[in-house]
Amino acid sequence: MICQPNFGVPGGLTTYLIGGFTFGLTRIAGRTLGAANAIGLAASALVTSAFSWACDALSVPAAFLLLAAITAAVAGPAMAGLRRQ
């Protein structure tokens, strides 16, 4: 996202494609946790769909606010759980 203005739209699309592909492969390849990886991959698809809908229906800044809220909703409890251990 930060480098996108330097590389333009083709560079941004290329990096998004490569990033999404490698993210999906790592989720699928890491079968040691089984259901946890499947749930993570499904959640990623749902968040991507929600983000796309927010961009289309609302606006790009509103979509990024939605993404920040989803990230905080996931990261907050995860961080709290790690602090307890």
PDB file of N, CA and C in Angstrom:
ATOM      1  N   MET A   1       0.821  -1.190   0.000  1.00  0.00           N
ATOM      2  CA  MET A   1       0.000   0.000   0.000  1.00  0.00           C
ATOM      3  C   MET A   1       0.862   1.250   0.000  1.00  0.00           C
ATOM      4  N   ILE A   2       1.955   1.215   0.731  1.00  0.00           N
ATOM      5  CA  ILE A   2       2.813   2.389   0.810  1.00  0.00           C
ATOM      6  C   ILE A   2       3.560   2.603  -0.497  1.00  0.00           C
ATOM      7  N   CYS A   3       3.971   1.512  -1.139  1.00  0.00           N
ATOM      8  CA  CYS A   3       4.761   1.612  -2.372  1.00  0.00           C
ATOM      9  C   CYS A   3       3.897   1.828  -3.601  1.00  0.00           C
ATOM     10  N   GLN A   4       2.604   1.681  -3.503  1.00  0.00           N
ATOM     11  CA  GLN A   4       1.739   1.750  -4.666  1.00  0.00           C
ATOM     12  C   GLN A   4       1.895   3.036  -5.469  1.00  0.00           C
ATOM     13  N   PRO A   5       1.988   4.235  -4.853  1.00  0.00           N
ATOM     14  CA  PRO A   5       2.157   5.434  -5.672  1.00  0.00           C
ATOM     15  C   PRO A   5       3.466   5.418  -6.483  1.00  0.00           C
ATOM     16  N   ASN A   6       4.482   4.729  -5.975  1.00  0.00           N
ATOM     17  CA  ASN A   6       5.752   4.674  -6.700  1.00  0.00           C
ATOM     18  C   ASN A   6       5.685   3.777  -7.917  1.00  0.00           C
ATOM     19  N   PHE A   7       4.867   2.751  -7.878  1.00  0.00           N
ATOM     20  CA  PHE A   7       4.812   1.773  -8.960  1.00  0.00           C
ATOM     21  C   PHE A   7       3.563   1.908  -9.817  1.00  0.00           C
ATOM     22  N   GLY A   8       2.627   2.722  -9.420  1.00  0.00           N
ATOM     23  CA  GLY A   8       1.415   2.916 -10.198  1.00  0.00           C
ATOM     24  C   GLY A   8       0.435   1.768 -10.012  1.00  0.00           C
ATOM     25  N   VAL A   9      -0.626   1.815 -10.791  1.00  0.00           N
ATOM     26  CA  VAL A   9      -1.676   0.810 -10.696  1.00  0.00           C
ATOM     27  C   VAL A   9      -1.170  -0.581 -11.096  1.00  0.00           C
ATOM     28  N   PRO A  10      -0.415  -0.724 -12.201  1.00  0.00           N
ATOM     29  CA  PRO A  10       0.068  -2.073 -12.544  1.00  0.00           C
ATOM     30  C   PRO A  10       0.944  -2.681 -11.445  1.00  0.00           C
ATOM     31  N   GLY A  11       1.796  -1.881 -10.839  1.00  0.00           N
ATOM     32  CA  GLY A  11       2.627  -2.383  -9.757  1.00  0.00           C
ATOM     33  C   GLY A  11       1.808  -2.773  -8.542  1.00  0.00           C
ATOM     34  N   GLY A  12       0.785  -1.970  -8.225  1.00  0.00           N
ATOM     35  CA  GLY A  12      -0.088  -2.294  -7.105  1.00  0.00           C
ATOM     36  C   GLY A  12      -0.865  -3.573  -7.337  1.00  0.00           C
ATOM     37  N   LEU A  13      -1.401  -3.725  -8.541  1.00  0.00           N
ATOM     38  CA  LEU A  13      -2.135  -4.948  -8.854  1.00  0.00           C
ATOM     39  C   LEU A  13      -1.233  -6.172  -8.808  1.00  0.00           C
ATOM     40  N   THR A  14      -0.012  -6.008  -9.290  1.00  0.00           N
ATOM     41  CA  THR A  14       0.931  -7.135  -9.278  1.00  0.00           C
ATOM     42  C   THR A  14       1.281  -7.532  -7.851  1.00  0.00           C
ATOM     43  N   THR A  15       1.577  -6.552  -7.005  1.00  0.00           N
ATOM     44  CA  THR A  15       1.940  -6.891  -5.625  1.00  0.00           C
ATOM     45  C   THR A  15       0.749  -7.470  -4.863  1.00  0.00           C
ATOM     46  N   TYR A  16      -0.466  -6.987  -5.115  1.00  0.00           N
ATOM     47  CA  TYR A  16      -1.645  -7.562  -4.470  1.00  0.00           C
ATOM     48  C   TYR A  16      -1.852  -9.005  -4.911  1.00  0.00           C
ATOM     49  N   LEU A  17      -1.663  -9.254  -6.205  1.00  0.00           N
ATOM     50  CA  LEU A  17      -1.830 -10.607  -6.727  1.00  0.00           C
ATOM     51  C   LEU A  17      -0.808 -11.556  -6.107  1.00  0.00           C
ATOM     52  N   ILE A  18       0.447 -11.150  -6.077  1.00  0.00           N
ATOM     53  CA  ILE A  18       1.501 -11.994  -5.499  1.00  0.00           C
ATOM     54  C   ILE A  18       1.267 -12.189  -4.005  1.00  0.00           C
ATOM     55  N   GLY A  19       0.908 -11.129  -3.296  1.00  0.00           N
ATOM     56  CA  GLY A  19       0.655 -11.237  -1.865  1.00  0.00           C
ATOM     57  C   GLY A  19      -0.517 -12.149  -1.555  1.00  0.00           C
ATOM     58  N   GLY A  20      -1.610 -12.005  -2.278  1.00  0.00           N
ATOM     59  CA  GLY A  20      -2.770 -12.867  -2.064  1.00  0.00           C
ATOM     60  C   GLY A  20      -2.480 -14.324  -2.384  1.00  0.00           C
ATOM     61  N   PHE A  21      -1.732 -14.540  -3.452  1.00  0.00           N
ATOM     62  CA  PHE A  21      -1.378 -15.906  -3.845  1.00  0.00           C
ATOM     63  C   PHE A  21      -0.508 -16.571  -2.790  1.00  0.00           C
ATOM     64  N   THR A  22       0.512 -15.862  -2.324  1.00  0.00           N
ATOM     65  CA  THR A  22       1.398 -16.461  -1.320  1.00  0.00           C
ATOM     66  C   THR A  22       0.685 -16.638   0.021  1.00  0.00           C
ATOM     67  N   PHE A  23      -0.202 -15.709   0.375  1.00  0.00           N
ATOM     68  CA  PHE A  23      -0.965 -15.855   1.610  1.00  0.00           C
ATOM     69  C   PHE A  23      -1.840 -17.094   1.550  1.00  0.00           C
ATOM     70  N   GLY A  24      -2.540 -17.285   0.441  1.00  0.00           N
ATOM     71  CA  GLY A  24      -3.388 -18.462   0.277  1.00  0.00           C
ATOM     72  C   GLY A  24      -2.591 -19.750   0.303  1.00  0.00           C
ATOM     73  N   LEU A  25      -1.436 -19.747  -0.359  1.00  0.00           N
ATOM     74  CA  LEU A  25      -0.598 -20.951  -0.365  1.00  0.00           C
ATOM     75  C   LEU A  25      -0.098 -21.301   1.027  1.00  0.00           C
ATOM     76  N   THR A  26       0.303 -20.289   1.793  1.00  0.00           N
ATOM     77  CA  THR A  26       0.789 -20.596   3.142  1.00  0.00           C
ATOM     78  C   THR A  26      -0.338 -21.103   4.032  1.00  0.00           C
ATOM     79  N   ARG A  27      -1.535 -20.586   3.832  1.00  0.00           N
ATOM     80  CA  ARG A  27      -2.674 -21.073   4.613  1.00  0.00           C
ATOM     81  C   ARG A  27      -2.989 -22.527   4.260  1.00  0.00           C
ATOM     82  N   ILE A  28      -2.936 -22.835   2.978  1.00  0.00           N
ATOM     83  CA  ILE A  28      -3.253 -24.192   2.545  1.00  0.00           C
ATOM     84  C   ILE A  28      -2.121 -25.154   2.894  1.00  0.00           C
ATOM     85  N   ALA A  29      -0.873 -24.703   2.729  1.00  0.00           N
ATOM     86  CA  ALA A  29       0.270 -25.583   2.951  1.00  0.00           C
ATOM     87  C   ALA A  29       0.473 -25.912   4.424  1.00  0.00           C
ATOM     88  N   GLY A  30       0.118 -25.017   5.310  1.00  0.00           N
ATOM     89  CA  GLY A  30       0.328 -25.266   6.738  1.00  0.00           C
ATOM     90  C   GLY A  30      -0.802 -26.089   7.318  1.00  0.00           C
ATOM     91  N   ARG A  31      -0.846 -27.341   7.006  1.00  0.00           N
ATOM     92  CA  ARG A  31      -1.949 -28.202   7.433  1.00  0.00           C
ATOM     93  C   ARG A  31      -1.771 -28.739   8.849  1.00  0.00           C
ATOM     94  N   THR A  32      -0.733 -28.331   9.526  1.00  0.00           N
ATOM     95  CA  THR A  32      -0.491 -28.889  10.861  1.00  0.00           C
ATOM     96  C   THR A  32      -1.584 -28.506  11.842  1.00  0.00           C
ATOM     97  N   LEU A  33      -2.219 -27.363  11.634  1.00  0.00           N
ATOM     98  CA  LEU A  33      -3.282 -26.937  12.543  1.00  0.00           C
ATOM     99  C   LEU A  33      -4.665 -27.249  12.002  1.00  0.00           C
ATOM    100  N   GLY A  34      -4.744 -27.754  10.790  1.00  0.00           N
ATOM    101  CA  GLY A  34      -5.998 -28.226  10.209  1.00  0.00           C
ATOM    102  C   GLY A  34      -7.123 -27.230  10.244  1.00  0.00           C
ATOM    103  N   ALA A  35      -8.027 -27.393  11.190  1.00  0.00           N
ATOM    104  CA  ALA A  35      -9.231 -26.569  11.252  1.00  0.00           C
ATOM    105  C   ALA A  35      -8.909 -25.099  11.475  1.00  0.00           C
ATOM    106  N   ALA A  36      -7.873 -24.802  12.239  1.00  0.00           N
ATOM    107  CA  ALA A  36      -7.512 -23.405  12.488  1.00  0.00           C
ATOM    108  C   ALA A  36      -7.135 -22.700  11.190  1.00  0.00           C
ATOM    109  N   ASN A  37      -6.383 -23.379  10.336  1.00  0.00           N
ATOM    110  CA  ASN A  37      -6.019 -22.778   9.053  1.00  0.00           C
ATOM    111  C   ASN A  37      -7.223 -22.640   8.130  1.00  0.00           C
ATOM    112  N   ALA A  38      -8.111 -23.617   8.148  1.00  0.00           N
ATOM    113  CA  ALA A  38      -9.312 -23.533   7.326  1.00  0.00           C
ATOM    114  C   ALA A  38     -10.196 -22.368   7.773  1.00  0.00           C
ATOM    115  N   ILE A  39     -10.334 -22.195   9.068  1.00  0.00           N
ATOM    116  CA  ILE A  39     -11.135 -21.080   9.589  1.00  0.00           C
ATOM    117  C   ILE A  39     -10.472 -19.751   9.246  1.00  0.00           C
ATOM    118  N   GLY A  40      -9.137 -19.694   9.355  1.00  0.00           N
ATOM    119  CA  GLY A  40      -8.417 -18.468   9.005  1.00  0.00           C
ATOM    120  C   GLY A  40      -8.566 -18.107   7.543  1.00  0.00           C
ATOM    121  N   LEU A  41      -8.505 -19.108   6.670  1.00  0.00           N
ATOM    122  CA  LEU A  41      -8.662 -18.851   5.239  1.00  0.00           C
ATOM    123  C   LEU A  41     -10.087 -18.398   4.927  1.00  0.00           C
ATOM    124  N   ALA A  42     -11.069 -19.034   5.551  1.00  0.00           N
ATOM    125  CA  ALA A  42     -12.465 -18.631   5.342  1.00  0.00           C
ATOM    126  C   ALA A  42     -12.714 -17.222   5.872  1.00  0.00           C
ATOM    127  N   ALA A  43     -12.142 -16.903   7.035  1.00  0.00           N
ATOM    128  CA  ALA A  43     -12.295 -15.561   7.590  1.00  0.00           C
ATOM    129  C   ALA A  43     -11.644 -14.518   6.688  1.00  0.00           C
ATOM    130  N   SER A  44     -10.508 -14.864   6.109  1.00  0.00           N
ATOM    131  CA  SER A  44      -9.837 -13.939   5.193  1.00  0.00           C
ATOM    132  C   SER A  44     -10.699 -13.663   3.969  1.00  0.00           C
ATOM    133  N   ALA A  45     -11.340 -14.696   3.454  1.00  0.00           N
ATOM    134  CA  ALA A  45     -12.227 -14.509   2.301  1.00  0.00           C
ATOM    135  C   ALA A  45     -13.418 -13.636   2.665  1.00  0.00           C
ATOM    136  N   LEU A  46     -13.973 -13.833   3.860  1.00  0.00           N
ATOM    137  CA  LEU A  46     -15.106 -13.010   4.293  1.00  0.00           C
ATOM    138  C   LEU A  46     -14.712 -11.548   4.481  1.00  0.00           C
ATOM    139  N   VAL A  47     -13.546 -11.315   5.067  1.00  0.00           N
ATOM    140  CA  VAL A  47     -13.087  -9.938   5.264  1.00  0.00           C
ATOM    141  C   VAL A  47     -12.810  -9.273   3.928  1.00  0.00           C
ATOM    142  N   THR A  48     -12.236 -10.016   2.988  1.00  0.00           N
ATOM    143  CA  THR A  48     -11.991  -9.468   1.657  1.00  0.00           C
ATOM    144  C   THR A  48     -13.302  -9.081   0.981  1.00  0.00           C
ATOM    145  N   SER A  49     -14.312  -9.928   1.109  1.00  0.00           N
ATOM    146  CA  SER A  49     -15.619  -9.621   0.521  1.00  0.00           C
ATOM    147  C   SER A  49     -16.261  -8.410   1.196  1.00  0.00           C
ATOM    148  N   ALA A  50     -16.149  -8.322   2.520  1.00  0.00           N
ATOM    149  CA  ALA A  50     -16.711  -7.174   3.241  1.00  0.00           C
ATOM    150  C   ALA A  50     -15.998  -5.883   2.849  1.00  0.00           C
ATOM    151  N   PHE A  51     -14.688  -5.958   2.708  1.00  0.00           N
ATOM    152  CA  PHE A  51     -13.914  -4.785   2.307  1.00  0.00           C
ATOM    153  C   PHE A  51     -14.297  -4.340   0.894  1.00  0.00           C
ATOM    154  N   SER A  52     -14.453  -5.297  -0.012  1.00  0.00           N
ATOM    155  CA  SER A  52     -14.858  -4.977  -1.382  1.00  0.00           C
ATOM    156  C   SER A  52     -16.244  -4.343  -1.408  1.00  0.00           C
ATOM    157  N   TRP A  53     -17.168  -4.902  -0.634  1.00  0.00           N
ATOM    158  CA  TRP A  53     -18.512  -4.331  -0.578  1.00  0.00           C
ATOM    159  C   TRP A  53     -18.467  -2.909  -0.039  1.00  0.00           C
ATOM    160  N   ALA A  54     -17.684  -2.676   1.013  1.00  0.00           N
ATOM    161  CA  ALA A  54     -17.616  -1.339   1.608  1.00  0.00           C
ATOM    162  C   ALA A  54     -17.028  -0.331   0.633  1.00  0.00           C
ATOM    163  N   CYS A  55     -16.042  -0.760  -0.155  1.00  0.00           N
ATOM    164  CA  CYS A  55     -15.477   0.145  -1.164  1.00  0.00           C
ATOM    165  C   CYS A  55     -16.519   0.536  -2.203  1.00  0.00           C
ATOM    166  N   ASP A  56     -17.309  -0.445  -2.647  1.00  0.00           N
ATOM    167  CA  ASP A  56     -18.315  -0.181  -3.670  1.00  0.00           C
ATOM    168  C   ASP A  56     -19.514   0.586  -3.131  1.00  0.00           C
ATOM    169  N   ALA A  57     -20.027   0.173  -1.988  1.00  0.00           N
ATOM    170  CA  ALA A  57     -21.267   0.745  -1.474  1.00  0.00           C
ATOM    171  C   ALA A  57     -21.064   2.064  -0.746  1.00  0.00           C
ATOM    172  N   LEU A  58     -19.952   2.195  -0.042  1.00  0.00           N
ATOM    173  CA  LEU A  58     -19.736   3.390   0.768  1.00  0.00           C
ATOM    174  C   LEU A  58     -18.675   4.270   0.114  1.00  0.00           C
ATOM    175  N   SER A  59     -17.450   4.141   0.559  1.00  0.00           N
ATOM    176  CA  SER A  59     -16.328   4.866  -0.025  1.00  0.00           C
ATOM    177  C   SER A  59     -15.043   4.169   0.407  1.00  0.00           C
ATOM    178  N   VAL A  60     -13.953   4.527  -0.221  1.00  0.00           N
ATOM    179  CA  VAL A  60     -12.680   3.900   0.116  1.00  0.00           C
ATOM    180  C   VAL A  60     -12.253   4.239   1.554  1.00  0.00           C
ATOM    181  N   PRO A  61     -12.356   5.503   1.997  1.00  0.00           N
ATOM    182  CA  PRO A  61     -12.002   5.773   3.399  1.00  0.00           C
ATOM    183  C   PRO A  61     -12.878   5.003   4.395  1.00  0.00           C
ATOM    184  N   ALA A  62     -14.153   4.873   4.093  1.00  0.00           N
ATOM    185  CA  ALA A  62     -15.035   4.102   4.983  1.00  0.00           C
ATOM    186  C   ALA A  62     -14.646   2.633   4.996  1.00  0.00           C
ATOM    187  N   ALA A  63     -14.214   2.120   3.852  1.00  0.00           N
ATOM    188  CA  ALA A  63     -13.779   0.726   3.791  1.00  0.00           C
ATOM    189  C   ALA A  63     -12.530   0.507   4.639  1.00  0.00           C
ATOM    190  N   PHE A  64     -11.602   1.464   4.612  1.00  0.00           N
ATOM    191  CA  PHE A  64     -10.413   1.327   5.440  1.00  0.00           C
ATOM    192  C   PHE A  64     -10.742   1.457   6.923  1.00  0.00           C
ATOM    193  N   LEU A  65     -11.741   2.248   7.269  1.00  0.00           N
ATOM    194  CA  LEU A  65     -12.197   2.296   8.663  1.00  0.00           C
ATOM    195  C   LEU A  65     -12.789   0.948   9.074  1.00  0.00           C
ATOM    196  N   LEU A  66     -13.543   0.317   8.169  1.00  0.00           N
ATOM    197  CA  LEU A  66     -14.083  -1.006   8.440  1.00  0.00           C
ATOM    198  C   LEU A  66     -12.955  -2.015   8.622  1.00  0.00           C
ATOM    199  N   LEU A  67     -11.944  -1.943   7.773  1.00  0.00           N
ATOM    200  CA  LEU A  67     -10.802  -2.852   7.889  1.00  0.00           C
ATOM    201  C   LEU A  67     -10.065  -2.643   9.211  1.00  0.00           C
ATOM    202  N   ALA A  68      -9.915  -1.395   9.623  1.00  0.00           N
ATOM    203  CA  ALA A  68      -9.262  -1.113  10.904  1.00  0.00           C
ATOM    204  C   ALA A  68     -10.086  -1.662  12.063  1.00  0.00           C
ATOM    205  N   ALA A  69     -11.400  -1.549  11.983  1.00  0.00           N
ATOM    206  CA  ALA A  69     -12.261  -2.072  13.042  1.00  0.00           C
ATOM    207  C   ALA A  69     -12.179  -3.596  13.109  1.00  0.00           C
ATOM    208  N   ILE A  70     -12.166  -4.251  11.957  1.00  0.00           N
ATOM    209  CA  ILE A  70     -12.054  -5.712  11.936  1.00  0.00           C
ATOM    210  C   ILE A  70     -10.706  -6.136  12.502  1.00  0.00           C
ATOM    211  N   THR A  71      -9.648  -5.432  12.123  1.00  0.00           N
ATOM    212  CA  THR A  71      -8.313  -5.761  12.624  1.00  0.00           C
ATOM    213  C   THR A  71      -8.246  -5.594  14.131  1.00  0.00           C
ATOM    214  N   ALA A  72      -8.810  -4.512  14.641  1.00  0.00           N
ATOM    215  CA  ALA A  72      -8.810  -4.287  16.088  1.00  0.00           C
ATOM    216  C   ALA A  72      -9.642  -5.345  16.808  1.00  0.00           C
ATOM    217  N   ALA A  73     -10.756  -5.746  16.193  1.00  0.00           N
ATOM    218  CA  ALA A  73     -11.617  -6.755  16.813  1.00  0.00           C
ATOM    219  C   ALA A  73     -10.936  -8.112  16.889  1.00  0.00           C
ATOM    220  N   VAL A  74     -10.038  -8.391  15.945  1.00  0.00           N
ATOM    221  CA  VAL A  74      -9.329  -9.671  15.953  1.00  0.00           C
ATOM    222  C   VAL A  74      -8.047  -9.573  16.772  1.00  0.00           C
ATOM    223  N   ALA A  75      -7.292  -8.511  16.595  1.00  0.00           N
ATOM    224  CA  ALA A  75      -5.984  -8.392  17.243  1.00  0.00           C
ATOM    225  C   ALA A  75      -6.104  -8.113  18.741  1.00  0.00           C
ATOM    226  N   GLY A  76      -7.111  -7.370  19.142  1.00  0.00           N
ATOM    227  CA  GLY A  76      -7.265  -7.026  20.556  1.00  0.00           C
ATOM    228  C   GLY A  76      -7.393  -8.259  21.452  1.00  0.00           C
ATOM    229  N   PRO A  77      -8.373  -9.112  21.192  1.00  0.00           N
ATOM    230  CA  PRO A  77      -8.482 -10.321  22.013  1.00  0.00           C
ATOM    231  C   PRO A  77      -7.271 -11.251  21.901  1.00  0.00           C
ATOM    232  N   ALA A  78      -6.659 -11.310  20.736  1.00  0.00           N
ATOM    233  CA  ALA A  78      -5.479 -12.151  20.569  1.00  0.00           C
ATOM    234  C   ALA A  78      -4.330 -11.640  21.434  1.00  0.00           C
ATOM    235  N   MET A  79      -4.134 -10.345  21.453  1.00  0.00           N
ATOM    236  CA  MET A  79      -3.076  -9.760  22.285  1.00  0.00           C
ATOM    237  C   MET A  79      -3.375  -9.954  23.764  1.00  0.00           C
ATOM    238  N   ALA A  80      -4.625  -9.795  24.134  1.00  0.00           N
ATOM    239  CA  ALA A  80      -5.005  -9.989  25.539  1.00  0.00           C
ATOM    240  C   ALA A  80      -4.780 -11.443  25.960  1.00  0.00           C
ATOM    241  N   GLY A  81      -5.073 -12.370  25.076  1.00  0.00           N
ATOM    242  CA  GLY A  81      -4.854 -13.778  25.377  1.00  0.00           C
ATOM    243  C   GLY A  81      -3.370 -14.102  25.520  1.00  0.00           C
ATOM    244  N   LEU A  82      -2.546 -13.470  24.705  1.00  0.00           N
ATOM    245  CA  LEU A  82      -1.100 -13.710  24.797  1.00  0.00           C
ATOM    246  C   LEU A  82      -0.523 -13.130  26.068  1.00  0.00           C
ATOM    247  N   ARG A  83      -1.068 -12.018  26.537  1.00  0.00           N
ATOM    248  CA  ARG A  83      -0.559 -11.404  27.776  1.00  0.00           C
ATOM    249  C   ARG A  83      -0.844 -12.263  28.988  1.00  0.00           C
ATOM    250  N   ARG A  84      -1.933 -13.012  28.958  1.00  0.00           N
ATOM    251  CA  ARG A  84      -2.299 -13.861  30.093  1.00  0.00           C
ATOM    252  C   ARG A  84      -1.365 -15.065  30.232  1.00  0.00           C
ATOM    253  N   GLN A  85      -0.756 -15.467  29.144  1.00  0.00           N
ATOM    254  CA  GLN A  85       0.079 -16.678  29.183  1.00  0.00           C
ATOM    255  C   GLN A  85       1.418 -16.446  29.758  1.00  0.00           C
TER     256      GLN A  85
END
